[in-house]
């Protein structure tokens, strides 16, 4: 799931993933893990990444994923998908990785 610069809202392109999580219970997984990231240019990286993870968590709860089955982590700018120079904006680094934990 990708985010706009310095925003914790995600766009319509994430909706199929969010909608697909309705089937969480049928996968046999016990947990949905959300790890959200920022790019190096964004201010307050840790707080922003946690806000991104929380926004996605709220959307999954609205799709009937049990709140106790969702773990969130705000990783800040520590794990870029695309390495960049310090202060460079990179849209692919503004993301949340969602995984199912068996």
PDB file of N, CA and C in Angstrom:
ATOM      1  N   UNK A   1       0.865  -1.167   0.000  1.00  0.00           N
ATOM      2  CA  UNK A   1       0.000   0.000   0.000  1.00  0.00           C
ATOM      3  C   UNK A   1       0.906   1.222   0.000  1.00  0.00           C
ATOM      4  N   UNK A   2       0.651   2.152  -0.914  1.00  0.00           N
ATOM      5  CA  UNK A   2       1.490   3.346  -1.015  1.00  0.00           C
ATOM      6  C   UNK A   2       0.735   4.584  -0.544  1.00  0.00           C
ATOM      7  N   UNK A   3       1.497   5.566  -0.087  1.00  0.00           N
ATOM      8  CA  UNK A   3       0.940   6.793   0.492  1.00  0.00           C
ATOM      9  C   UNK A   3       1.516   8.023  -0.202  1.00  0.00           C
ATOM     10  N   UNK A   4       0.766   9.117  -0.151  1.00  0.00           N
ATOM     11  CA  UNK A   4       1.264  10.390  -0.650  1.00  0.00           C
ATOM     12  C   UNK A   4       2.272  10.971   0.331  1.00  0.00           C
ATOM     13  N   UNK A   5       3.059  11.910  -0.154  1.00  0.00           N
ATOM     14  CA  UNK A   5       4.091  12.563   0.641  1.00  0.00           C
ATOM     15  C   UNK A   5       3.492  13.213   1.892  1.00  0.00           C
ATOM     16  N   UNK A   6       4.052  12.839   3.044  1.00  0.00           N
ATOM     17  CA  UNK A   6       3.649  13.353   4.354  1.00  0.00           C
ATOM     18  C   UNK A   6       2.162  13.186   4.667  1.00  0.00           C
ATOM     19  N   UNK A   7       1.551  12.133   4.139  1.00  0.00           N
ATOM     20  CA  UNK A   7       0.142  11.825   4.402  1.00  0.00           C
ATOM     21  C   UNK A   7       0.037  10.412   4.967  1.00  0.00           C
ATOM     22  N   UNK A   8      -1.024  10.196   5.736  1.00  0.00           N
ATOM     23  CA  UNK A   8      -1.266   8.845   6.256  1.00  0.00           C
ATOM     24  C   UNK A   8      -2.525   8.233   5.645  1.00  0.00           C
ATOM     25  N   UNK A   9      -3.054   8.868   4.610  1.00  0.00           N
ATOM     26  CA  UNK A   9      -4.209   8.314   3.903  1.00  0.00           C
ATOM     27  C   UNK A   9      -3.723   7.594   2.653  1.00  0.00           C
ATOM     28  N   UNK A  10      -4.408   6.536   2.305  1.00  0.00           N
ATOM     29  CA  UNK A  10      -4.034   5.787   1.106  1.00  0.00           C
ATOM     30  C   UNK A  10      -5.135   5.921   0.068  1.00  0.00           C
ATOM     31  N   UNK A  11      -4.763   5.710  -1.167  1.00  0.00           N
ATOM     32  CA  UNK A  11      -5.685   5.940  -2.277  1.00  0.00           C
ATOM     33  C   UNK A  11      -6.513   4.732  -2.649  1.00  0.00           C
ATOM     34  N   UNK A  12      -7.272   4.903  -3.697  1.00  0.00           N
ATOM     35  CA  UNK A  12      -8.197   3.868  -4.164  1.00  0.00           C
ATOM     36  C   UNK A  12      -7.478   2.618  -4.653  1.00  0.00           C
ATOM     37  N   UNK A  13      -6.210   2.728  -5.036  1.00  0.00           N
ATOM     38  CA  UNK A  13      -5.487   1.558  -5.522  1.00  0.00           C
ATOM     39  C   UNK A  13      -5.257   0.528  -4.422  1.00  0.00           C
ATOM     40  N   UNK A  14      -5.356   0.936  -3.178  1.00  0.00           N
ATOM     41  CA  UNK A  14      -5.205   0.010  -2.053  1.00  0.00           C
ATOM     42  C   UNK A  14      -6.512  -0.711  -1.732  1.00  0.00           C
ATOM     43  N   UNK A  15      -7.604  -0.230  -2.266  1.00  0.00           N
ATOM     44  CA  UNK A  15      -8.905  -0.784  -1.900  1.00  0.00           C
ATOM     45  C   UNK A  15      -9.049  -2.282  -2.181  1.00  0.00           C
ATOM     46  N   UNK A  16      -8.550  -2.810  -3.314  1.00  0.00           N
ATOM     47  CA  UNK A  16      -8.666  -4.269  -3.514  1.00  0.00           C
ATOM     48  C   UNK A  16      -7.968  -5.080  -2.423  1.00  0.00           C
ATOM     49  N   UNK A  17      -6.827  -4.604  -1.949  1.00  0.00           N
ATOM     50  CA  UNK A  17      -6.147  -5.301  -0.855  1.00  0.00           C
ATOM     51  C   UNK A  17      -6.988  -5.250   0.407  1.00  0.00           C
ATOM     52  N   UNK A  18      -7.486  -4.080   0.732  1.00  0.00           N
ATOM     53  CA  UNK A  18      -8.310  -3.915   1.931  1.00  0.00           C
ATOM     54  C   UNK A  18      -9.555  -4.793   1.824  1.00  0.00           C
ATOM     55  N   UNK A  19     -10.219  -4.757   0.694  1.00  0.00           N
ATOM     56  CA  UNK A  19     -11.417  -5.578   0.502  1.00  0.00           C
ATOM     57  C   UNK A  19     -11.098  -7.070   0.589  1.00  0.00           C
ATOM     58  N   UNK A  20      -9.959  -7.470   0.048  1.00  0.00           N
ATOM     59  CA  UNK A  20      -9.568  -8.881   0.062  1.00  0.00           C
ATOM     60  C   UNK A  20      -9.275  -9.417   1.452  1.00  0.00           C
ATOM     61  N   UNK A  21      -8.997  -8.534   2.385  1.00  0.00           N
ATOM     62  CA  UNK A  21      -8.693  -8.979   3.743  1.00  0.00           C
ATOM     63  C   UNK A  21      -9.936  -9.477   4.476  1.00  0.00           C
ATOM     64  N   UNK A  22     -11.095  -9.309   3.886  1.00  0.00           N
ATOM     65  CA  UNK A  22     -12.308  -9.896   4.487  1.00  0.00           C
ATOM     66  C   UNK A  22     -12.149 -11.403   4.640  1.00  0.00           C
ATOM     67  N   UNK A  23     -11.353 -11.991   3.756  1.00  0.00           N
ATOM     68  CA  UNK A  23     -11.156 -13.441   3.758  1.00  0.00           C
ATOM     69  C   UNK A  23     -10.070 -13.870   4.737  1.00  0.00           C
ATOM     70  N   UNK A  24      -9.596 -12.952   5.579  1.00  0.00           N
ATOM     71  CA  UNK A  24      -8.517 -13.244   6.526  1.00  0.00           C
ATOM     72  C   UNK A  24      -8.764 -14.528   7.310  1.00  0.00           C
ATOM     73  N   UNK A  25      -9.930 -14.691   7.853  1.00  0.00           N
ATOM     74  CA  UNK A  25     -10.220 -15.856   8.695  1.00  0.00           C
ATOM     75  C   UNK A  25     -10.079 -17.169   7.934  1.00  0.00           C
ATOM     76  N   UNK A  26     -10.419 -17.163   6.650  1.00  0.00           N
ATOM     77  CA  UNK A  26     -10.371 -18.401   5.872  1.00  0.00           C
ATOM     78  C   UNK A  26      -8.953 -18.786   5.461  1.00  0.00           C
ATOM     79  N   UNK A  27      -7.977 -17.915   5.675  1.00  0.00           N
ATOM     80  CA  UNK A  27      -6.598 -18.226   5.284  1.00  0.00           C
ATOM     81  C   UNK A  27      -5.888 -19.111   6.291  1.00  0.00           C
ATOM     82  N   UNK A  28      -6.409 -19.182   7.502  1.00  0.00           N
ATOM     83  CA  UNK A  28      -5.745 -19.933   8.552  1.00  0.00           C
ATOM     84  C   UNK A  28      -4.688 -19.126   9.280  1.00  0.00           C
ATOM     85  N   UNK A  29      -4.466 -17.895   8.842  1.00  0.00           N
ATOM     86  CA  UNK A  29      -3.484 -17.040   9.511  1.00  0.00           C
ATOM     87  C   UNK A  29      -4.025 -16.608  10.868  1.00  0.00           C
ATOM     88  N   UNK A  30      -3.126 -16.338  11.790  1.00  0.00           N
ATOM     89  CA  UNK A  30      -3.556 -15.880  13.113  1.00  0.00           C
ATOM     90  C   UNK A  30      -3.374 -14.388  13.296  1.00  0.00           C
ATOM     91  N   UNK A  31      -2.602 -13.767  12.371  1.00  0.00           N
ATOM     92  CA  UNK A  31      -2.312 -12.349  12.531  1.00  0.00           C
ATOM     93  C   UNK A  31      -2.086 -11.676  11.189  1.00  0.00           C
ATOM     94  N   UNK A  32      -2.498 -10.413  11.105  1.00  0.00           N
ATOM     95  CA  UNK A  32      -2.148  -9.547   9.986  1.00  0.00           C
ATOM     96  C   UNK A  32      -1.104  -8.589  10.534  1.00  0.00           C
ATOM     97  N   UNK A  33       0.066  -8.561   9.909  1.00  0.00           N
ATOM     98  CA  UNK A  33       1.136  -7.668  10.356  1.00  0.00           C
ATOM     99  C   UNK A  33       1.293  -6.539   9.342  1.00  0.00           C
ATOM    100  N   UNK A  34       1.221  -5.318   9.830  1.00  0.00           N
ATOM    101  CA  UNK A  34       1.360  -4.121   8.999  1.00  0.00           C
ATOM    102  C   UNK A  34       2.620  -3.388   9.444  1.00  0.00           C
ATOM    103  N   UNK A  35       3.560  -3.220   8.526  1.00  0.00           N
ATOM    104  CA  UNK A  35       4.778  -2.463   8.803  1.00  0.00           C
ATOM    105  C   UNK A  35       4.790  -1.284   7.836  1.00  0.00           C
ATOM    106  N   UNK A  36       4.665  -0.082   8.374  1.00  0.00           N
ATOM    107  CA  UNK A  36       4.588   1.112   7.534  1.00  0.00           C
ATOM    108  C   UNK A  36       5.921   1.855   7.538  1.00  0.00           C
ATOM    109  N   UNK A  37       6.191   2.527   6.414  1.00  0.00           N
ATOM    110  CA  UNK A  37       7.476   3.176   6.189  1.00  0.00           C
ATOM    111  C   UNK A  37       7.281   4.601   5.682  1.00  0.00           C
ATOM    112  N   UNK A  38       8.358   5.370   5.734  1.00  0.00           N
ATOM    113  CA  UNK A  38       8.383   6.716   5.153  1.00  0.00           C
ATOM    114  C   UNK A  38       9.618   6.824   4.272  1.00  0.00           C
ATOM    115  N   UNK A  39       9.678   7.894   3.482  1.00  0.00           N
ATOM    116  CA  UNK A  39      10.933   8.138   2.776  1.00  0.00           C
ATOM    117  C   UNK A  39      11.776   9.090   3.610  1.00  0.00           C
ATOM    118  N   UNK A  40      13.042   9.197   3.269  1.00  0.00           N
ATOM    119  CA  UNK A  40      13.996   9.953   4.082  1.00  0.00           C
ATOM    120  C   UNK A  40      13.686  11.445   4.142  1.00  0.00           C
ATOM    121  N   UNK A  41      12.896  11.948   3.201  1.00  0.00           N
ATOM    122  CA  UNK A  41      12.613  13.388   3.158  1.00  0.00           C
ATOM    123  C   UNK A  41      11.458  13.800   4.063  1.00  0.00           C
ATOM    124  N   UNK A  42      10.692  12.854   4.540  1.00  0.00           N
ATOM    125  CA  UNK A  42       9.504  13.190   5.321  1.00  0.00           C
ATOM    126  C   UNK A  42       9.863  13.531   6.770  1.00  0.00           C
ATOM    127  N   UNK A  43       9.204  14.558   7.281  1.00  0.00           N
ATOM    128  CA  UNK A  43       9.421  14.963   8.672  1.00  0.00           C
ATOM    129  C   UNK A  43       8.707  13.996   9.612  1.00  0.00           C
ATOM    130  N   UNK A  44       9.194  13.885  10.821  1.00  0.00           N
ATOM    131  CA  UNK A  44       8.551  13.041  11.846  1.00  0.00           C
ATOM    132  C   UNK A  44       8.305  11.622  11.337  1.00  0.00           C
ATOM    133  N   UNK A  45       9.326  11.019  10.777  1.00  0.00           N
ATOM    134  CA  UNK A  45       9.189   9.708  10.124  1.00  0.00           C
ATOM    135  C   UNK A  45       8.550   8.637  11.002  1.00  0.00           C
ATOM    136  N   UNK A  46       8.984   8.556  12.248  1.00  0.00           N
ATOM    137  CA  UNK A  46       8.456   7.498  13.117  1.00  0.00           C
ATOM    138  C   UNK A  46       6.962   7.678  13.371  1.00  0.00           C
ATOM    139  N   UNK A  47       6.560   8.888  13.720  1.00  0.00           N
ATOM    140  CA  UNK A  47       5.144   9.155  13.987  1.00  0.00           C
ATOM    141  C   UNK A  47       4.305   8.987  12.724  1.00  0.00           C
ATOM    142  N   UNK A  48       4.823   9.435  11.586  1.00  0.00           N
ATOM    143  CA  UNK A  48       4.076   9.319  10.330  1.00  0.00           C
ATOM    144  C   UNK A  48       3.918   7.858   9.916  1.00  0.00           C
ATOM    145  N   UNK A  49       4.963   7.077  10.060  1.00  0.00           N
ATOM    146  CA  UNK A  49       4.837   5.660   9.682  1.00  0.00           C
ATOM    147  C   UNK A  49       3.839   4.947  10.598  1.00  0.00           C
ATOM    148  N   UNK A  50       3.818   5.289  11.871  1.00  0.00           N
ATOM    149  CA  UNK A  50       2.840   4.690  12.779  1.00  0.00           C
ATOM    150  C   UNK A  50       1.422   5.134  12.411  1.00  0.00           C
ATOM    151  N   UNK A  51       1.257   6.380  12.009  1.00  0.00           N
ATOM    152  CA  UNK A  51      -0.061   6.862  11.572  1.00  0.00           C
ATOM    153  C   UNK A  51      -0.511   6.122  10.317  1.00  0.00           C
ATOM    154  N   UNK A  52       0.403   5.831   9.428  1.00  0.00           N
ATOM    155  CA  UNK A  52       0.068   5.065   8.212  1.00  0.00           C
ATOM    156  C   UNK A  52      -0.377   3.650   8.567  1.00  0.00           C
ATOM    157  N   UNK A  53       0.353   3.006   9.455  1.00  0.00           N
ATOM    158  CA  UNK A  53      -0.027   1.656   9.875  1.00  0.00           C
ATOM    159  C   UNK A  53      -1.391   1.676  10.563  1.00  0.00           C
ATOM    160  N   UNK A  54      -1.638   2.683  11.375  1.00  0.00           N
ATOM    161  CA  UNK A  54      -2.921   2.804  12.077  1.00  0.00           C
ATOM    162  C   UNK A  54      -4.074   3.036  11.114  1.00  0.00           C
ATOM    163  N   UNK A  55      -3.845   3.832  10.076  1.00  0.00           N
ATOM    164  CA  UNK A  55      -4.899   4.081   9.084  1.00  0.00           C
ATOM    165  C   UNK A  55      -5.284   2.790   8.370  1.00  0.00           C
ATOM    166  N   UNK A  56      -4.298   2.005   8.034  1.00  0.00           N
ATOM    167  CA  UNK A  56      -4.582   0.733   7.372  1.00  0.00           C
ATOM    168  C   UNK A  56      -5.263  -0.231   8.331  1.00  0.00           C
ATOM    169  N   UNK A  57      -4.837  -0.232   9.582  1.00  0.00           N
ATOM    170  CA  UNK A  57      -5.480  -1.076  10.606  1.00  0.00           C
ATOM    171  C   UNK A  57      -6.959  -0.717  10.737  1.00  0.00           C
ATOM    172  N   UNK A  58      -7.266   0.560  10.787  1.00  0.00           N
ATOM    173  CA  UNK A  58      -8.658   1.011  10.892  1.00  0.00           C
ATOM    174  C   UNK A  58      -9.476   0.535   9.700  1.00  0.00           C
ATOM    175  N   UNK A  59      -8.900   0.594   8.516  1.00  0.00           N
ATOM    176  CA  UNK A  59      -9.603   0.141   7.308  1.00  0.00           C
ATOM    177  C   UNK A  59      -9.864  -1.362   7.363  1.00  0.00           C
ATOM    178  N   UNK A  60      -8.910  -2.133   7.877  1.00  0.00           N
ATOM    179  CA  UNK A  60      -9.105  -3.585   7.969  1.00  0.00           C
ATOM    180  C   UNK A  60     -10.151  -3.944   9.016  1.00  0.00           C
ATOM    181  N   UNK A  61     -10.163  -3.228  10.115  1.00  0.00           N
ATOM    182  CA  UNK A  61     -11.196  -3.462  11.131  1.00  0.00           C
ATOM    183  C   UNK A  61     -12.574  -3.189  10.542  1.00  0.00           C
ATOM    184  N   UNK A  62     -12.679  -2.162   9.711  1.00  0.00           N
ATOM    185  CA  UNK A  62     -13.956  -1.853   9.050  1.00  0.00           C
ATOM    186  C   UNK A  62     -14.390  -2.970   8.104  1.00  0.00           C
ATOM    187  N   UNK A  63     -13.451  -3.802   7.675  1.00  0.00           N
ATOM    188  CA  UNK A  63     -13.758  -4.944   6.804  1.00  0.00           C
ATOM    189  C   UNK A  63     -13.878  -6.236   7.608  1.00  0.00           C
ATOM    190  N   UNK A  64     -14.070  -6.116   8.918  1.00  0.00           N
ATOM    191  CA  UNK A  64     -14.320  -7.246   9.825  1.00  0.00           C
ATOM    192  C   UNK A  64     -13.092  -8.075  10.165  1.00  0.00           C
ATOM    193  N   UNK A  65     -11.911  -7.521   9.996  1.00  0.00           N
ATOM    194  CA  UNK A  65     -10.729  -8.206  10.508  1.00  0.00           C
ATOM    195  C   UNK A  65     -10.669  -7.872  12.002  1.00  0.00           C
ATOM    196  N   UNK A  66     -10.602  -8.877  12.875  1.00  0.00           N
ATOM    197  CA  UNK A  66     -10.609  -8.610  14.321  1.00  0.00           C
ATOM    198  C   UNK A  66      -9.422  -7.738  14.742  1.00  0.00           C
ATOM    199  N   UNK A  67      -9.684  -6.724  15.527  1.00  0.00           N
ATOM    200  CA  UNK A  67      -8.634  -5.789  15.932  1.00  0.00           C
ATOM    201  C   UNK A  67      -7.490  -6.493  16.659  1.00  0.00           C
ATOM    202  N   UNK A  68      -7.807  -7.513  17.454  1.00  0.00           N
ATOM    203  CA  UNK A  68      -6.769  -8.214  18.207  1.00  0.00           C
ATOM    204  C   UNK A  68      -5.867  -9.057  17.302  1.00  0.00           C
ATOM    205  N   UNK A  69      -6.255  -9.236  16.039  1.00  0.00           N
ATOM    206  CA  UNK A  69      -5.455 -10.017  15.100  1.00  0.00           C
ATOM    207  C   UNK A  69      -4.559  -9.138  14.223  1.00  0.00           C
ATOM    208  N   UNK A  70      -4.521  -7.841  14.504  1.00  0.00           N
ATOM    209  CA  UNK A  70      -3.731  -6.921  13.680  1.00  0.00           C
ATOM    210  C   UNK A  70      -2.600  -6.336  14.510  1.00  0.00           C
ATOM    211  N   UNK A  71      -1.370  -6.548  14.044  1.00  0.00           N
ATOM    212  CA  UNK A  71      -0.196  -5.961  14.683  1.00  0.00           C
ATOM    213  C   UNK A  71       0.352  -4.875  13.771  1.00  0.00           C
ATOM    214  N   UNK A  72       0.681  -3.719  14.340  1.00  0.00           N
ATOM    215  CA  UNK A  72       1.209  -2.631  13.523  1.00  0.00           C
ATOM    216  C   UNK A  72       2.588  -2.205  14.026  1.00  0.00           C
ATOM    217  N   UNK A  73       3.419  -1.789  13.072  1.00  0.00           N
ATOM    218  CA  UNK A  73       4.757  -1.302  13.365  1.00  0.00           C
ATOM    219  C   UNK A  73       5.001  -0.067  12.510  1.00  0.00           C
ATOM    220  N   UNK A  74       5.515   0.966  13.116  1.00  0.00           N
ATOM    221  CA  UNK A  74       5.956   2.152  12.380  1.00  0.00           C
ATOM    222  C   UNK A  74       7.463   2.095  12.254  1.00  0.00           C
ATOM    223  N   UNK A  75       7.973   1.822  11.053  1.00  0.00           N
ATOM    224  CA  UNK A  75       9.409   1.622  10.851  1.00  0.00           C
ATOM    225  C   UNK A  75      10.145   2.894  10.454  1.00  0.00           C
ATOM    226  N   UNK A  76       9.421   3.987  10.261  1.00  0.00           N
ATOM    227  CA  UNK A  76      10.082   5.225   9.861  1.00  0.00           C
ATOM    228  C   UNK A  76      10.777   5.065   8.519  1.00  0.00           C
ATOM    229  N   UNK A  77      11.957   5.635   8.393  1.00  0.00           N
ATOM    230  CA  UNK A  77      12.720   5.578   7.135  1.00  0.00           C
ATOM    231  C   UNK A  77      13.850   4.564   7.213  1.00  0.00           C
ATOM    232  N   UNK A  78      13.738   3.583   8.101  1.00  0.00           N
ATOM    233  CA  UNK A  78      14.832   2.636   8.346  1.00  0.00           C
ATOM    234  C   UNK A  78      14.996   1.555   7.290  1.00  0.00           C
ATOM    235  N   UNK A  79      13.955   1.263   6.504  1.00  0.00           N
ATOM    236  CA  UNK A  79      14.022   0.164   5.533  1.00  0.00           C
ATOM    237  C   UNK A  79      13.503   0.607   4.172  1.00  0.00           C
ATOM    238  N   UNK A  80      14.267   1.429   3.483  1.00  0.00           N
ATOM    239  CA  UNK A  80      13.780   1.905   2.183  1.00  0.00           C
ATOM    240  C   UNK A  80      13.708   0.775   1.160  1.00  0.00           C
ATOM    241  N   UNK A  81      12.678   0.795   0.358  1.00  0.00           N
ATOM    242  CA  UNK A  81      12.550  -0.142  -0.750  1.00  0.00           C
ATOM    243  C   UNK A  81      13.520   0.261  -1.855  1.00  0.00           C
ATOM    244  N   UNK A  82      13.659   1.574  -2.030  1.00  0.00           N
ATOM    245  CA  UNK A  82      14.576   2.136  -3.017  1.00  0.00           C
ATOM    246  C   UNK A  82      15.554   3.050  -2.274  1.00  0.00           C
ATOM    247  N   UNK A  83      16.818   2.670  -2.183  1.00  0.00           N
ATOM    248  CA  UNK A  83      17.798   3.534  -1.514  1.00  0.00           C
ATOM    249  C   UNK A  83      17.923   4.874  -2.251  1.00  0.00           C
ATOM    250  N   UNK A  84      18.009   5.958  -1.488  1.00  0.00           N
ATOM    251  CA  UNK A  84      18.134   7.295  -2.066  1.00  0.00           C
ATOM    252  C   UNK A  84      19.154   8.112  -1.281  1.00  0.00           C
ATOM    253  N   UNK A  85      19.514   9.231  -1.857  1.00  0.00           N
ATOM    254  CA  UNK A  85      20.367  10.170  -1.143  1.00  0.00           C
ATOM    255  C   UNK A  85      19.555  10.761   0.005  1.00  0.00           C
ATOM    256  N   UNK A  86      20.235  11.179   1.040  1.00  0.00           N
ATOM    257  CA  UNK A  86      19.538  11.764   2.186  1.00  0.00           C
ATOM    258  C   UNK A  86      18.695  12.956   1.736  1.00  0.00           C
ATOM    259  N   UNK A  87      17.429  12.965   2.147  1.00  0.00           N
ATOM    260  CA  UNK A  87      16.531  14.058   1.809  1.00  0.00           C
ATOM    261  C   UNK A  87      15.824  13.908   0.474  1.00  0.00           C
ATOM    262  N   UNK A  88      16.141  12.856  -0.283  1.00  0.00           N
ATOM    263  CA  UNK A  88      15.487  12.649  -1.577  1.00  0.00           C
ATOM    264  C   UNK A  88      14.115  12.029  -1.376  1.00  0.00           C
ATOM    265  N   UNK A  89      13.144  12.510  -2.151  1.00  0.00           N
ATOM    266  CA  UNK A  89      11.789  11.963  -2.081  1.00  0.00           C
ATOM    267  C   UNK A  89      11.704  10.731  -2.977  1.00  0.00           C
ATOM    268  N   UNK A  90      11.136   9.653  -2.458  1.00  0.00           N
ATOM    269  CA  UNK A  90      10.961   8.429  -3.234  1.00  0.00           C
ATOM    270  C   UNK A  90       9.605   7.827  -2.897  1.00  0.00           C
ATOM    271  N   UNK A  91       8.651   7.932  -3.826  1.00  0.00           N
ATOM    272  CA  UNK A  91       7.289   7.446  -3.559  1.00  0.00           C
ATOM    273  C   UNK A  91       7.210   5.976  -3.143  1.00  0.00           C
ATOM    274  N   UNK A  92       8.084   5.128  -3.683  1.00  0.00           N
ATOM    275  CA  UNK A  92       7.998   3.704  -3.345  1.00  0.00           C
ATOM    276  C   UNK A  92       8.383   3.422  -1.892  1.00  0.00           C
ATOM    277  N   UNK A  93       9.081   4.346  -1.256  1.00  0.00           N
ATOM    278  CA  UNK A  93       9.445   4.152   0.144  1.00  0.00           C
ATOM    279  C   UNK A  93       8.318   4.547   1.091  1.00  0.00           C
ATOM    280  N   UNK A  94       7.325   5.265   0.592  1.00  0.00           N
ATOM    281  CA  UNK A  94       6.171   5.670   1.409  1.00  0.00           C
ATOM    282  C   UNK A  94       5.111   4.579   1.288  1.00  0.00           C
ATOM    283  N   UNK A  95       5.254   3.557   2.097  1.00  0.00           N
ATOM    284  CA  UNK A  95       4.435   2.366   1.904  1.00  0.00           C
ATOM    285  C   UNK A  95       4.130   1.683   3.224  1.00  0.00           C
ATOM    286  N   UNK A  96       3.208   0.735   3.144  1.00  0.00           N
ATOM    287  CA  UNK A  96       2.950  -0.194   4.245  1.00  0.00           C
ATOM    288  C   UNK A  96       2.994  -1.600   3.664  1.00  0.00           C
ATOM    289  N   UNK A  97       3.765  -2.446   4.282  1.00  0.00           N
ATOM    290  CA  UNK A  97       3.842  -3.853   3.888  1.00  0.00           C
ATOM    291  C   UNK A  97       2.865  -4.630   4.767  1.00  0.00           C
ATOM    292  N   UNK A  98       2.038  -5.434   4.125  1.00  0.00           N
ATOM    293  CA  UNK A  98       1.023  -6.209   4.845  1.00  0.00           C
ATOM    294  C   UNK A  98       1.340  -7.686   4.645  1.00  0.00           C
ATOM    295  N   UNK A  99       1.418  -8.427   5.743  1.00  0.00           N
ATOM    296  CA  UNK A  99       1.669  -9.859   5.634  1.00  0.00           C
ATOM    297  C   UNK A  99       0.755 -10.623   6.590  1.00  0.00           C
ATOM    298  N   UNK A 100       0.492 -11.857   6.224  1.00  0.00           N
ATOM    299  CA  UNK A 100      -0.298 -12.754   7.065  1.00  0.00           C
ATOM    300  C   UNK A 100       0.657 -13.664   7.800  1.00  0.00           C
ATOM    301  N   UNK A 101       0.473 -13.780   9.093  1.00  0.00           N
ATOM    302  CA  UNK A 101       1.343 -14.604   9.927  1.00  0.00           C
ATOM    303  C   UNK A 101       0.579 -15.874  10.288  1.00  0.00           C
ATOM    304  N   UNK A 102       1.145 -17.044   9.910  1.00  0.00           N
ATOM    305  CA  UNK A 102       0.443 -18.314  10.198  1.00  0.00           C
ATOM    306  C   UNK A 102       0.378 -18.629  11.679  1.00  0.00           C
TER     307      UNK A 102
END
